[in-house]
PDB file of N, CA and C in Angstrom:
ATOM      1  N   MET A   1      36.231 -21.354   8.904  1.00  0.00           N
ATOM      2  CA  MET A   1      35.636 -20.537   7.568  1.00  0.00           C
ATOM      3  C   MET A   1      34.630 -20.541   6.760  1.00  0.00           C
ATOM      4  N   LYS A   2      33.774 -21.739   6.954  1.00  0.00           N
ATOM      5  CA  LYS A   2      33.074 -22.100   6.298  1.00  0.00           C
ATOM      6  C   LYS A   2      31.895 -22.335   7.418  1.00  0.00           C
ATOM      7  N   ASP A   3      32.016 -22.300   8.576  1.00  0.00           N
ATOM      8  CA  ASP A   3      30.861 -21.653   9.437  1.00  0.00           C
ATOM      9  C   ASP A   3      30.430 -20.585   9.594  1.00  0.00           C
ATOM     10  N   LYS A   4      31.607 -19.399   9.366  1.00  0.00           N
ATOM     11  CA  LYS A   4      31.454 -17.895   9.293  1.00  0.00           C
ATOM     12  C   LYS A   4      30.748 -17.446   8.241  1.00  0.00           C
ATOM     13  N   LEU A   5      30.676 -18.378   6.899  1.00  0.00           N
ATOM     14  CA  LEU A   5      30.389 -17.829   5.825  1.00  0.00           C
ATOM     15  C   LEU A   5      28.456 -18.005   5.798  1.00  0.00           C
ATOM     16  N   VAL A   6      28.343 -19.328   6.561  1.00  0.00           N
ATOM     17  CA  VAL A   6      26.905 -19.661   6.819  1.00  0.00           C
ATOM     18  C   VAL A   6      26.343 -18.819   7.711  1.00  0.00           C
ATOM     19  N   LEU A   7      26.786 -18.388   8.652  1.00  0.00           N
ATOM     20  CA  LEU A   7      26.323 -17.537   9.549  1.00  0.00           C
ATOM     21  C   LEU A   7      26.208 -16.110   8.853  1.00  0.00           C
ATOM     22  N   LEU A   8      27.073 -15.461   8.174  1.00  0.00           N
ATOM     23  CA  LEU A   8      26.783 -14.629   7.778  1.00  0.00           C
ATOM     24  C   LEU A   8      25.432 -14.505   6.838  1.00  0.00           C
ATOM     25  N   LEU A   9      25.392 -15.505   5.362  1.00  0.00           N
ATOM     26  CA  LEU A   9      24.505 -15.940   4.704  1.00  0.00           C
ATOM     27  C   LEU A   9      23.020 -15.928   5.416  1.00  0.00           C
ATOM     28  N   SER A  10      23.269 -16.568   6.663  1.00  0.00           N
ATOM     29  CA  SER A  10      21.874 -16.474   7.333  1.00  0.00           C
ATOM     30  C   SER A  10      21.139 -15.429   7.656  1.00  0.00           C
ATOM     31  N   ILE A  11      22.439 -14.435   8.485  1.00  0.00           N
ATOM     32  CA  ILE A  11      22.194 -13.224   9.047  1.00  0.00           C
ATOM     33  C   ILE A  11      21.448 -12.391   7.774  1.00  0.00           C
ATOM     34  N   GLY A  12      22.172 -12.390   6.805  1.00  0.00           N
ATOM     35  CA  GLY A  12      21.539 -11.541   5.250  1.00  0.00           C
ATOM     36  C   GLY A  12      20.441 -12.037   5.052  1.00  0.00           C
ATOM     37  N   ALA A  13      19.920 -13.372   5.199  1.00  0.00           N
ATOM     38  CA  ALA A  13      18.455 -13.419   4.656  1.00  0.00           C
ATOM     39  C   ALA A  13      17.494 -13.085   5.852  1.00  0.00           C
ATOM     40  N   ILE A  14      18.030 -13.241   6.800  1.00  0.00           N
ATOM     41  CA  ILE A  14      17.028 -12.620   7.977  1.00  0.00           C
ATOM     42  C   ILE A  14      16.638 -11.157   7.261  1.00  0.00           C
ATOM     43  N   LEU A  15      17.508 -10.114   7.533  1.00  0.00           N
ATOM     44  CA  LEU A  15      17.829  -9.101   7.263  1.00  0.00           C
ATOM     45  C   LEU A  15      17.025  -8.626   5.917  1.00  0.00           C
ATOM     46  N   ILE A  16      17.114  -9.357   5.073  1.00  0.00           N
ATOM     47  CA  ILE A  16      16.150  -9.422   3.647  1.00  0.00           C
ATOM     48  C   ILE A  16      14.638  -9.562   3.851  1.00  0.00           C
ATOM     49  N   ALA A  17      14.321 -10.273   4.307  1.00  0.00           N
ATOM     50  CA  ALA A  17      13.588 -10.886   4.683  1.00  0.00           C
ATOM     51  C   ALA A  17      12.747  -9.935   6.086  1.00  0.00           C
ATOM     52  N   LEU A  18      13.468  -9.325   6.889  1.00  0.00           N
ATOM     53  CA  LEU A  18      13.019  -8.393   7.676  1.00  0.00           C
ATOM     54  C   LEU A  18      12.385  -6.899   7.445  1.00  0.00           C
ATOM     55  N   GLY A  19      12.980  -6.764   6.118  1.00  0.00           N
ATOM     56  CA  GLY A  19      13.124  -5.387   5.111  1.00  0.00           C
ATOM     57  C   GLY A  19      11.589  -5.526   4.755  1.00  0.00           C
ATOM     58  N   PHE A  20      11.191  -6.759   3.690  1.00  0.00           N
ATOM     59  CA  PHE A  20      10.375  -7.035   3.082  1.00  0.00           C
ATOM     60  C   PHE A  20       8.942  -7.018   4.411  1.00  0.00           C
ATOM     61  N   TRP A  21       9.447  -7.376   5.412  1.00  0.00           N
ATOM     62  CA  TRP A  21       8.109  -7.210   6.341  1.00  0.00           C
ATOM     63  C   TRP A  21       8.070  -6.104   6.849  1.00  0.00           C
ATOM     64  N   LEU A  22       8.841  -5.121   7.152  1.00  0.00           N
ATOM     65  CA  LEU A  22       8.900  -3.618   7.490  1.00  0.00           C
ATOM     66  C   LEU A  22       8.073  -3.017   6.768  1.00  0.00           C
ATOM     67  N   ARG A  23       8.281  -3.242   5.179  1.00  0.00           N
ATOM     68  CA  ARG A  23       7.673  -2.443   4.313  1.00  0.00           C
ATOM     69  C   ARG A  23       5.941  -2.713   3.957  1.00  0.00           C
ATOM     70  N   GLY A  24       5.594  -3.272   4.424  1.00  0.00           N
ATOM     71  CA  GLY A  24       4.512  -3.882   4.734  1.00  0.00           C
ATOM     72  C   GLY A  24       4.523  -4.796   4.052  1.00  0.00           C
ATOM     73  N   THR A  25       3.294  -5.092   2.861  1.00  0.00           N
ATOM     74  CA  THR A  25       3.284  -5.822   1.776  1.00  0.00           C
ATOM     75  C   THR A  25       4.355  -5.388   0.819  1.00  0.00           C
ATOM     76  N   SER A  26       4.217  -6.919   0.399  1.00  0.00           N
ATOM     77  CA  SER A  26       5.420  -7.014  -1.371  1.00  0.00           C
ATOM     78  C   SER A  26       4.900  -6.800  -2.120  1.00  0.00           C
ATOM     79  N   GLY A  27       3.585  -5.702  -2.680  1.00  0.00           N
ATOM     80  CA  GLY A  27       3.160  -5.869  -3.730  1.00  0.00           C
ATOM     81  C   GLY A  27       1.727  -6.633  -3.581  1.00  0.00           C
ATOM     82  N   GLU A  28       1.651  -7.821  -2.770  1.00  0.00           N
ATOM     83  CA  GLU A  28       0.614  -8.623  -3.104  1.00  0.00           C
ATOM     84  C   GLU A  28      -1.077  -7.768  -2.280  1.00  0.00           C
ATOM     85  N   GLN A  29      -2.059  -8.340  -2.440  1.00  0.00           N
ATOM     86  CA  GLN A  29      -3.103  -7.588  -2.296  1.00  0.00           C
ATOM     87  C   GLN A  29      -3.355  -7.713  -0.565  1.00  0.00           C
ATOM     88  N   ILE A  30      -3.697  -7.299   0.235  1.00  0.00           N
ATOM     89  CA  ILE A  30      -4.669  -7.666   1.465  1.00  0.00           C
ATOM     90  C   ILE A  30      -5.736  -7.635   1.069  1.00  0.00           C
ATOM     91  N   SER A  31      -6.274  -8.715   2.433  1.00  0.00           N
ATOM     92  CA  SER A  31      -7.748  -8.753   2.453  1.00  0.00           C
ATOM     93  C   SER A  31      -8.874  -7.254   2.532  1.00  0.00           C
ATOM     94  N   GLY A  32     -10.201  -6.955   2.516  1.00  0.00           N
ATOM     95  CA  GLY A  32     -11.009  -6.286   2.458  1.00  0.00           C
ATOM     96  C   GLY A  32     -11.116  -5.649   3.905  1.00  0.00           C
ATOM     97  N   GLU A  33     -10.939  -7.147   5.107  1.00  0.00           N
ATOM     98  CA  GLU A  33     -10.956  -6.553   6.243  1.00  0.00           C
ATOM     99  C   GLU A  33      -9.694  -6.280   6.907  1.00  0.00           C
ATOM    100  N   ALA A  34      -8.200  -6.555   6.281  1.00  0.00           N
ATOM    101  CA  ALA A  34      -7.269  -6.157   7.058  1.00  0.00           C
ATOM    102  C   ALA A  34      -7.289  -4.472   6.493  1.00  0.00           C
ATOM    103  N   ALA A  35      -7.923  -4.160   5.077  1.00  0.00           N
ATOM    104  CA  ALA A  35      -7.475  -2.862   4.852  1.00  0.00           C
ATOM    105  C   ALA A  35      -8.441  -2.168   5.779  1.00  0.00           C
ATOM    106  N   ARG A  36      -9.627  -2.630   6.270  1.00  0.00           N
ATOM    107  CA  ARG A  36     -10.755  -1.746   7.076  1.00  0.00           C
ATOM    108  C   ARG A  36     -10.221  -1.646   8.338  1.00  0.00           C
ATOM    109  N   THR A  37      -9.229  -2.384   9.023  1.00  0.00           N
ATOM    110  CA  THR A  37      -8.887  -2.341  10.216  1.00  0.00           C
ATOM    111  C   THR A  37      -7.504  -1.641  10.175  1.00  0.00           C
ATOM    112  N   LEU A  38      -7.002  -1.098   9.189  1.00  0.00           N
ATOM    113  CA  LEU A  38      -5.916  -0.724   8.884  1.00  0.00           C
ATOM    114  C   LEU A  38      -6.734   0.937   8.879  1.00  0.00           C
ATOM    115  N   VAL A  39      -7.542   1.138   8.275  1.00  0.00           N
ATOM    116  CA  VAL A  39      -8.112   2.420   8.010  1.00  0.00           C
ATOM    117  C   VAL A  39      -8.770   2.920   9.020  1.00  0.00           C
ATOM    118  N   LYS A  40      -9.554   1.958   9.971  1.00  0.00           N
ATOM    119  CA  LYS A  40     -10.322   2.356  11.419  1.00  0.00           C
ATOM    120  C   LYS A  40      -8.992   2.739  12.100  1.00  0.00           C
ATOM    121  N   ASP A  41      -7.658   1.895  12.299  1.00  0.00           N
ATOM    122  CA  ASP A  41      -6.394   2.267  13.197  1.00  0.00           C
ATOM    123  C   ASP A  41      -5.855   3.814  12.656  1.00  0.00           C
ATOM    124  N   GLY A  42      -6.348   4.294  11.492  1.00  0.00           N
ATOM    125  CA  GLY A  42      -5.694   5.583  11.017  1.00  0.00           C
ATOM    126  C   GLY A  42      -4.830   5.772  10.041  1.00  0.00           C
ATOM    127  N   ALA A  43      -4.927   4.308   9.210  1.00  0.00           N
ATOM    128  CA  ALA A  43      -4.346   4.563   7.669  1.00  0.00           C
ATOM    129  C   ALA A  43      -5.282   5.306   6.901  1.00  0.00           C
ATOM    130  N   LEU A  44      -4.375   6.110   6.064  1.00  0.00           N
ATOM    131  CA  LEU A  44      -4.808   7.028   4.713  1.00  0.00           C
ATOM    132  C   LEU A  44      -5.315   6.026   3.685  1.00  0.00           C
ATOM    133  N   LEU A  45      -6.425   6.118   3.307  1.00  0.00           N
ATOM    134  CA  LEU A  45      -7.204   5.346   2.381  1.00  0.00           C
ATOM    135  C   LEU A  45      -7.199   6.211   0.960  1.00  0.00           C
ATOM    136  N   VAL A  46      -6.485   5.713  -0.156  1.00  0.00           N
ATOM    137  CA  VAL A  46      -6.443   6.568  -1.187  1.00  0.00           C
ATOM    138  C   VAL A  46      -6.873   5.748  -2.154  1.00  0.00           C
ATOM    139  N   ASP A  47      -8.004   6.352  -3.225  1.00  0.00           N
ATOM    140  CA  ASP A  47      -8.377   5.904  -4.189  1.00  0.00           C
ATOM    141  C   ASP A  47      -7.744   6.399  -5.390  1.00  0.00           C
ATOM    142  N   VAL A  48      -6.782   5.649  -6.117  1.00  0.00           N
ATOM    143  CA  VAL A  48      -6.262   5.955  -7.091  1.00  0.00           C
ATOM    144  C   VAL A  48      -6.515   5.752  -8.628  1.00  0.00           C
ATOM    145  N   ARG A  49      -8.098   5.782  -8.392  1.00  0.00           N
ATOM    146  CA  ARG A  49      -8.633   5.838  -9.894  1.00  0.00           C
ATOM    147  C   ARG A  49      -9.017   6.834 -10.210  1.00  0.00           C
ATOM    148  N   THR A  50      -9.326   7.440 -11.741  1.00  0.00           N
ATOM    149  CA  THR A  50      -9.424   8.828 -12.010  1.00  0.00           C
ATOM    150  C   THR A  50     -10.645   9.551 -11.103  1.00  0.00           C
ATOM    151  N   SER A  51     -10.659  10.900 -11.471  1.00  0.00           N
ATOM    152  CA  SER A  51     -11.747  12.487 -10.652  1.00  0.00           C
ATOM    153  C   SER A  51     -12.810  11.549 -11.056  1.00  0.00           C
ATOM    154  N   GLU A  52     -13.015  11.450 -12.381  1.00  0.00           N
ATOM    155  CA  GLU A  52     -14.330  10.805 -12.741  1.00  0.00           C
ATOM    156  C   GLU A  52     -14.782   9.924 -12.063  1.00  0.00           C
ATOM    157  N   GLU A  53     -13.903   8.769 -12.054  1.00  0.00           N
ATOM    158  CA  GLU A  53     -14.748   7.247 -11.353  1.00  0.00           C
ATOM    159  C   GLU A  53     -14.819   7.983  -9.986  1.00  0.00           C
ATOM    160  N   PHE A  54     -14.058   8.535  -9.556  1.00  0.00           N
ATOM    161  CA  PHE A  54     -13.837   8.846  -7.886  1.00  0.00           C
ATOM    162  C   PHE A  54     -15.526   9.423  -7.611  1.00  0.00           C
ATOM    163  N   ALA A  55     -15.959  10.295  -8.819  1.00  0.00           N
ATOM    164  CA  ALA A  55     -17.199  11.297  -8.377  1.00  0.00           C
ATOM    165  C   ALA A  55     -18.169  10.238  -8.408  1.00  0.00           C
ATOM    166  N   ASP A  56     -18.090   8.939  -9.403  1.00  0.00           N
ATOM    167  CA  ASP A  56     -19.345   8.183  -9.330  1.00  0.00           C
ATOM    168  C   ASP A  56     -19.760   7.485  -8.387  1.00  0.00           C
ATOM    169  N   GLY A  57     -18.383   7.172  -7.479  1.00  0.00           N
ATOM    170  CA  GLY A  57     -18.788   6.370  -6.209  1.00  0.00           C
ATOM    171  C   GLY A  57     -17.423   5.967  -5.763  1.00  0.00           C
ATOM    172  N   HIS A  58     -17.079   5.670  -4.223  1.00  0.00           N
ATOM    173  CA  HIS A  58     -15.898   5.810  -3.630  1.00  0.00           C
ATOM    174  C   HIS A  58     -16.081   5.375  -2.498  1.00  0.00           C
ATOM    175  N   ILE A  59     -15.063   4.914  -1.788  1.00  0.00           N
ATOM    176  CA  ILE A  59     -15.183   4.118  -0.670  1.00  0.00           C
ATOM    177  C   ILE A  59     -15.138   5.414   0.744  1.00  0.00           C
ATOM    178  N   ASP A  60     -16.467   5.474   1.216  1.00  0.00           N
ATOM    179  CA  ASP A  60     -16.299   6.250   2.395  1.00  0.00           C
ATOM    180  C   ASP A  60     -14.686   7.007   3.195  1.00  0.00           C
ATOM    181  N   GLY A  61     -14.625   8.108   3.233  1.00  0.00           N
ATOM    182  CA  GLY A  61     -13.157   8.595   3.864  1.00  0.00           C
ATOM    183  C   GLY A  61     -11.849   8.574   3.250  1.00  0.00           C
ATOM    184  N   ALA A  62     -12.242   7.947   1.811  1.00  0.00           N
ATOM    185  CA  ALA A  62     -11.566   8.038   0.633  1.00  0.00           C
ATOM    186  C   ALA A  62     -10.740   9.513   0.358  1.00  0.00           C
ATOM    187  N   ILE A  63      -9.213   9.494  -0.373  1.00  0.00           N
ATOM    188  CA  ILE A  63      -8.885  10.590  -0.940  1.00  0.00           C
ATOM    189  C   ILE A  63      -8.741  10.500  -2.231  1.00  0.00           C
ATOM    190  N   ASN A  64      -8.687  10.861  -3.342  1.00  0.00           N
ATOM    191  CA  ASN A  64      -8.611  10.853  -4.504  1.00  0.00           C
ATOM    192  C   ASN A  64      -7.407  11.070  -4.971  1.00  0.00           C
ATOM    193  N   ILE A  65      -6.280  10.842  -5.068  1.00  0.00           N
ATOM    194  CA  ILE A  65      -5.212  10.719  -6.010  1.00  0.00           C
ATOM    195  C   ILE A  65      -4.577   9.606  -7.386  1.00  0.00           C
ATOM    196  N   PRO A  66      -5.481  10.222  -8.394  1.00  0.00           N
ATOM    197  CA  PRO A  66      -5.053   9.422  -9.616  1.00  0.00           C
ATOM    198  C   PRO A  66      -3.579   8.606  -9.562  1.00  0.00           C
ATOM    199  N   VAL A  67      -3.423   7.423 -10.209  1.00  0.00           N
ATOM    200  CA  VAL A  67      -1.870   6.986 -10.009  1.00  0.00           C
ATOM    201  C   VAL A  67      -1.078   8.014 -10.914  1.00  0.00           C
ATOM    202  N   SER A  68      -1.689   8.487 -12.123  1.00  0.00           N
ATOM    203  CA  SER A  68      -1.174   9.178 -13.225  1.00  0.00           C
ATOM    204  C   SER A  68      -0.881  10.376 -12.722  1.00  0.00           C
ATOM    205  N   GLN A  69      -1.066  11.012 -11.341  1.00  0.00           N
ATOM    206  CA  GLN A  69      -1.012  12.478 -10.998  1.00  0.00           C
ATOM    207  C   GLN A  69      -0.142  12.299  -9.987  1.00  0.00           C
ATOM    208  N   LEU A  70       0.327  11.108  -9.189  1.00  0.00           N
ATOM    209  CA  LEU A  70       0.607  10.564  -7.971  1.00  0.00           C
ATOM    210  C   LEU A  70       2.132  11.019  -7.202  1.00  0.00           C
ATOM    211  N   ASP A  71       3.030  10.939  -8.457  1.00  0.00           N
ATOM    212  CA  ASP A  71       3.768  12.096  -8.531  1.00  0.00           C
ATOM    213  C   ASP A  71       4.110  13.096  -7.977  1.00  0.00           C
ATOM    214  N   ALA A  72       2.990  13.926  -8.447  1.00  0.00           N
ATOM    215  CA  ALA A  72       3.009  15.317  -8.556  1.00  0.00           C
ATOM    216  C   ALA A  72       2.204  15.801  -7.629  1.00  0.00           C
ATOM    217  N   ARG A  73       1.589  14.875  -6.848  1.00  0.00           N
ATOM    218  CA  ARG A  73       0.910  14.919  -5.676  1.00  0.00           C
ATOM    219  C   ARG A  73       1.231  14.352  -4.203  1.00  0.00           C
ATOM    220  N   ILE A  74       2.413  13.742  -4.495  1.00  0.00           N
ATOM    221  CA  ILE A  74       2.814  12.579  -3.321  1.00  0.00           C
ATOM    222  C   ILE A  74       3.012  13.463  -2.045  1.00  0.00           C
ATOM    223  N   THR A  75       3.114  14.959  -1.685  1.00  0.00           N
ATOM    224  CA  THR A  75       2.757  15.322  -0.340  1.00  0.00           C
ATOM    225  C   THR A  75       1.567  15.176   0.176  1.00  0.00           C
ATOM    226  N   GLU A  76       0.702  15.196  -0.644  1.00  0.00           N
ATOM    227  CA  GLU A  76      -0.830  14.770  -0.014  1.00  0.00           C
ATOM    228  C   GLU A  76      -1.098  13.382   0.629  1.00  0.00           C
ATOM    229  N   VAL A  77       0.073  12.813   0.527  1.00  0.00           N
ATOM    230  CA  VAL A  77       0.040  11.132   1.126  1.00  0.00           C
ATOM    231  C   VAL A  77       0.319  11.407   2.505  1.00  0.00           C
ATOM    232  N   GLY A  78       1.246  12.065   2.840  1.00  0.00           N
ATOM    233  CA  GLY A  78       1.890  12.520   4.102  1.00  0.00           C
ATOM    234  C   GLY A  78       2.865  12.106   4.755  1.00  0.00           C
ATOM    235  N   ALA A  79       3.437  11.802   5.801  1.00  0.00           N
ATOM    236  CA  ALA A  79       4.481  11.348   6.015  1.00  0.00           C
ATOM    237  C   ALA A  79       4.595   9.793   6.042  1.00  0.00           C
ATOM    238  N   LYS A  80       6.148   9.873   5.295  1.00  0.00           N
ATOM    239  CA  LYS A  80       6.225   8.210   4.794  1.00  0.00           C
ATOM    240  C   LYS A  80       6.411   7.370   5.920  1.00  0.00           C
ATOM    241  N   THR A  81       6.070   7.629   7.191  1.00  0.00           N
ATOM    242  CA  THR A  81       5.972   6.599   7.960  1.00  0.00           C
ATOM    243  C   THR A  81       4.533   6.090   8.398  1.00  0.00           C
ATOM    244  N   HIS A  82       3.850   7.008   8.011  1.00  0.00           N
ATOM    245  CA  HIS A  82       2.117   6.502   8.323  1.00  0.00           C
ATOM    246  C   HIS A  82       1.679   5.866   7.182  1.00  0.00           C
ATOM    247  N   PRO A  83       0.667   4.896   7.702  1.00  0.00           N
ATOM    248  CA  PRO A  83       0.352   3.628   6.844  1.00  0.00           C
ATOM    249  C   PRO A  83      -0.815   4.271   5.668  1.00  0.00           C
ATOM    250  N   VAL A  84      -0.698   3.792   4.379  1.00  0.00           N
ATOM    251  CA  VAL A  84      -1.507   3.927   3.434  1.00  0.00           C
ATOM    252  C   VAL A  84      -1.857   2.922   2.857  1.00  0.00           C
ATOM    253  N   VAL A  85      -3.219   3.199   2.658  1.00  0.00           N
ATOM    254  CA  VAL A  85      -4.372   1.898   1.878  1.00  0.00           C
ATOM    255  C   VAL A  85      -4.540   1.999   0.564  1.00  0.00           C
ATOM    256  N   VAL A  86      -4.061   1.881  -0.496  1.00  0.00           N
ATOM    257  CA  VAL A  86      -4.535   2.057  -1.870  1.00  0.00           C
ATOM    258  C   VAL A  86      -5.559   1.105  -2.626  1.00  0.00           C
ATOM    259  N   TYR A  87      -6.278   1.764  -3.548  1.00  0.00           N
ATOM    260  CA  TYR A  87      -7.143   0.787  -4.028  1.00  0.00           C
ATOM    261  C   TYR A  87      -7.691   1.604  -5.586  1.00  0.00           C
ATOM    262  N   CYS A  88      -8.288   0.362  -6.470  1.00  0.00           N
ATOM    263  CA  CYS A  88      -8.954   1.421  -7.571  1.00  0.00           C
ATOM    264  C   CYS A  88     -10.004   0.166  -7.774  1.00  0.00           C
ATOM    265  N   PHE A  89     -10.115  -0.060  -9.445  1.00  0.00           N
ATOM    266  CA  PHE A  89     -11.525  -0.760  -9.862  1.00  0.00           C
ATOM    267  C   PHE A  89     -11.144  -1.752  -9.753  1.00  0.00           C
ATOM    268  N   SER A  90      -9.602  -2.359 -10.431  1.00  0.00           N
ATOM    269  CA  SER A  90      -9.324  -3.616 -10.806  1.00  0.00           C
ATOM    270  C   SER A  90      -8.265  -4.402  -9.842  1.00  0.00           C
ATOM    271  N   GLY A  91      -7.504  -3.773  -9.456  1.00  0.00           N
ATOM    272  CA  GLY A  91      -6.157  -3.709  -8.548  1.00  0.00           C
ATOM    273  C   GLY A  91      -5.083  -3.404  -9.495  1.00  0.00           C
ATOM    274  N   ALA A  92      -4.618  -3.253 -11.056  1.00  0.00           N
ATOM    275  CA  ALA A  92      -4.175  -2.761 -11.627  1.00  0.00           C
ATOM    276  C   ALA A  92      -3.318  -1.563 -11.326  1.00  0.00           C
ATOM    277  N   ARG A  93      -3.842  -0.914 -10.830  1.00  0.00           N
ATOM    278  CA  ARG A  93      -3.264   0.628 -10.711  1.00  0.00           C
ATOM    279  C   ARG A  93      -3.420   0.937  -9.723  1.00  0.00           C
ATOM    280  N   SER A  94      -3.745   0.226  -8.706  1.00  0.00           N
ATOM    281  CA  SER A  94      -3.406   0.184  -7.299  1.00  0.00           C
ATOM    282  C   SER A  94      -1.937  -0.292  -7.317  1.00  0.00           C
ATOM    283  N   LYS A  95      -1.903  -1.427  -8.149  1.00  0.00           N
ATOM    284  CA  LYS A  95      -0.370  -2.057  -7.333  1.00  0.00           C
ATOM    285  C   LYS A  95       0.496  -1.054  -8.185  1.00  0.00           C
ATOM    286  N   ARG A  96       0.620  -0.435  -9.034  1.00  0.00           N
ATOM    287  CA  ARG A  96       1.455   0.521  -9.691  1.00  0.00           C
ATOM    288  C   ARG A  96       1.451   1.452  -8.676  1.00  0.00           C
ATOM    289  N   ALA A  97       0.503   2.031  -7.817  1.00  0.00           N
ATOM    290  CA  ALA A  97       0.512   3.205  -7.163  1.00  0.00           C
ATOM    291  C   ALA A  97       1.432   2.566  -5.728  1.00  0.00           C
ATOM    292  N   ALA A  98       0.899   1.646  -5.362  1.00  0.00           N
ATOM    293  CA  ALA A  98       1.698   1.199  -4.224  1.00  0.00           C
ATOM    294  C   ALA A  98       3.150   0.705  -4.500  1.00  0.00           C
ATOM    295  N   ASP A  99       3.707   0.455  -5.590  1.00  0.00           N
ATOM    296  CA  ASP A  99       4.809   0.132  -6.066  1.00  0.00           C
ATOM    297  C   ASP A  99       5.650   1.589  -6.194  1.00  0.00           C
ATOM    298  N   ALA A 100       4.967   2.635  -6.451  1.00  0.00           N
ATOM    299  CA  ALA A 100       5.327   4.215  -6.672  1.00  0.00           C
ATOM    300  C   ALA A 100       5.549   4.390  -5.220  1.00  0.00           C
ATOM    301  N   LEU A 101       4.792   4.073  -4.097  1.00  0.00           N
ATOM    302  CA  LEU A 101       5.079   4.928  -2.876  1.00  0.00           C
ATOM    303  C   LEU A 101       6.178   4.373  -2.285  1.00  0.00           C
ATOM    304  N   ARG A 102       6.352   3.260  -2.313  1.00  0.00           N
ATOM    305  CA  ARG A 102       7.238   2.102  -1.677  1.00  0.00           C
ATOM    306  C   ARG A 102       8.407   2.613  -2.480  1.00  0.00           C
ATOM    307  N   ALA A 103       8.743   2.742  -3.539  1.00  0.00           N
ATOM    308  CA  ALA A 103       9.857   3.411  -4.233  1.00  0.00           C
ATOM    309  C   ALA A 103       9.946   4.882  -3.930  1.00  0.00           C
ATOM    310  N   ALA A 104       8.952   5.740  -3.342  1.00  0.00           N
ATOM    311  CA  ALA A 104       9.714   7.056  -3.210  1.00  0.00           C
ATOM    312  C   ALA A 104       9.687   6.848  -1.392  1.00  0.00           C
ATOM    313  N   GLY A 105       9.861   5.482  -0.614  1.00  0.00           N
ATOM    314  CA  GLY A 105      10.129   5.767   0.348  1.00  0.00           C
ATOM    315  C   GLY A 105       9.334   5.416   1.491  1.00  0.00           C
ATOM    316  N   PHE A 106       7.817   5.508   1.111  1.00  0.00           N
ATOM    317  CA  PHE A 106       6.899   5.167   2.263  1.00  0.00           C
ATOM    318  C   PHE A 106       7.038   3.397   2.766  1.00  0.00           C
ATOM    319  N   ASN A 107       7.013   3.403   3.844  1.00  0.00           N
ATOM    320  CA  ASN A 107       7.405   2.012   4.253  1.00  0.00           C
ATOM    321  C   ASN A 107       6.343   1.296   4.840  1.00  0.00           C
ATOM    322  N   SER A 108       5.012   1.712   4.668  1.00  0.00           N
ATOM    323  CA  SER A 108       3.567   1.064   5.195  1.00  0.00           C
ATOM    324  C   SER A 108       2.571   1.160   4.402  1.00  0.00           C
ATOM    325  N   VAL A 109       2.921   0.536   3.277  1.00  0.00           N
ATOM    326  CA  VAL A 109       1.642   0.659   2.161  1.00  0.00           C
ATOM    327  C   VAL A 109       1.362  -0.645   1.676  1.00  0.00           C
ATOM    328  N   TYR A 110      -0.093  -0.263   1.806  1.00  0.00           N
ATOM    329  CA  TYR A 110      -1.015  -1.752   1.776  1.00  0.00           C
ATOM    330  C   TYR A 110      -2.057  -1.992   0.364  1.00  0.00           C
ATOM    331  N   ASN A 111      -1.937  -2.586  -0.397  1.00  0.00           N
ATOM    332  CA  ASN A 111      -2.758  -2.797  -1.675  1.00  0.00           C
ATOM    333  C   ASN A 111      -4.011  -3.291  -1.424  1.00  0.00           C
ATOM    334  N   LEU A 112      -5.180  -2.977  -1.426  1.00  0.00           N
ATOM    335  CA  LEU A 112      -6.407  -3.435  -1.465  1.00  0.00           C
ATOM    336  C   LEU A 112      -6.854  -4.146  -2.753  1.00  0.00           C
ATOM    337  N   GLY A 113      -6.458  -3.608  -3.611  1.00  0.00           N
ATOM    338  CA  GLY A 113      -6.763  -4.198  -5.325  1.00  0.00           C
ATOM    339  C   GLY A 113      -8.066  -3.001  -5.593  1.00  0.00           C
ATOM    340  N   GLY A 114      -9.233  -4.029  -5.980  1.00  0.00           N
ATOM    341  CA  GLY A 114     -10.310  -3.795  -6.291  1.00  0.00           C
ATOM    342  C   GLY A 114     -11.344  -2.795  -5.273  1.00  0.00           C
ATOM    343  N   MET A 115     -12.224  -2.006  -5.351  1.00  0.00           N
ATOM    344  CA  MET A 115     -12.656  -1.430  -4.290  1.00  0.00           C
ATOM    345  C   MET A 115     -13.934  -2.340  -3.960  1.00  0.00           C
ATOM    346  N   SER A 116     -14.279  -3.480  -4.957  1.00  0.00           N
ATOM    347  CA  SER A 116     -15.075  -4.260  -4.706  1.00  0.00           C
ATOM    348  C   SER A 116     -14.772  -5.266  -3.341  1.00  0.00           C
ATOM    349  N   ARG A 117     -13.535  -5.562  -2.858  1.00  0.00           N
ATOM    350  CA  ARG A 117     -12.957  -5.872  -2.210  1.00  0.00           C
ATOM    351  C   ARG A 117     -13.097  -5.549  -0.937  1.00  0.00           C
ATOM    352  N   TRP A 118     -13.738  -4.348  -0.466  1.00  0.00           N
ATOM    353  CA  TRP A 118     -13.943  -3.514   0.640  1.00  0.00           C
ATOM    354  C   TRP A 118     -15.324  -4.180   1.423  1.00  0.00           C
ATOM    355  N   PRO A 119     -15.159  -4.904   2.272  1.00  0.00           N
ATOM    356  CA  PRO A 119     -16.470  -5.517   3.150  1.00  0.00           C
ATOM    357  C   PRO A 119     -17.812  -4.072   2.966  1.00  0.00           C
ATOM    358  N   ARG A 120     -18.789  -4.649   3.055  1.00  0.00           N
ATOM    359  CA  ARG A 120     -19.599  -4.276   3.018  1.00  0.00           C
ATOM    360  C   ARG A 120     -20.407  -4.006   4.566  1.00  0.00           C
ATOM    361  N   GLY A 121     -20.934  -2.779   4.542  1.00  0.00           N
ATOM    362  CA  GLY A 121     -21.611  -2.690   6.237  1.00  0.00           C
ATOM    363  C   GLY A 121     -20.401  -2.478   6.983  1.00  0.00           C
ATOM    364  N   GLY A 122     -20.945  -2.374   8.324  1.00  0.00           N
ATOM    365  CA  GLY A 122     -20.195  -1.900   9.690  1.00  0.00           C
ATOM    366  C   GLY A 122     -19.352  -1.081   9.758  1.00  0.00           C
TER     367      GLY A 122
END
């Protein structure tokens, strides 16, 4: 009986770990190079700052969906299976956006954090 319990607990722990892995990151920021690679491979890049901040400058190829409008504009993000990279100015709003997207069922959400982490050039 004890062996079966240990086996079941082990399987449960593996499934939980696999679930976090399949969801992308668990809220941690990814590196700028990893974000660039994801976008190069087709991930959607979403700037979650205000439209005014976006107009003042943004990463090439990004779309702007302010975090305050994310719930109302969630369909613009596309398929829930398509990878998404979010960023803002410092990382606080992008973490909120990443958490909201994951809660809405998006399973490949990556948080770049602040836009200054995006690699220059190349």
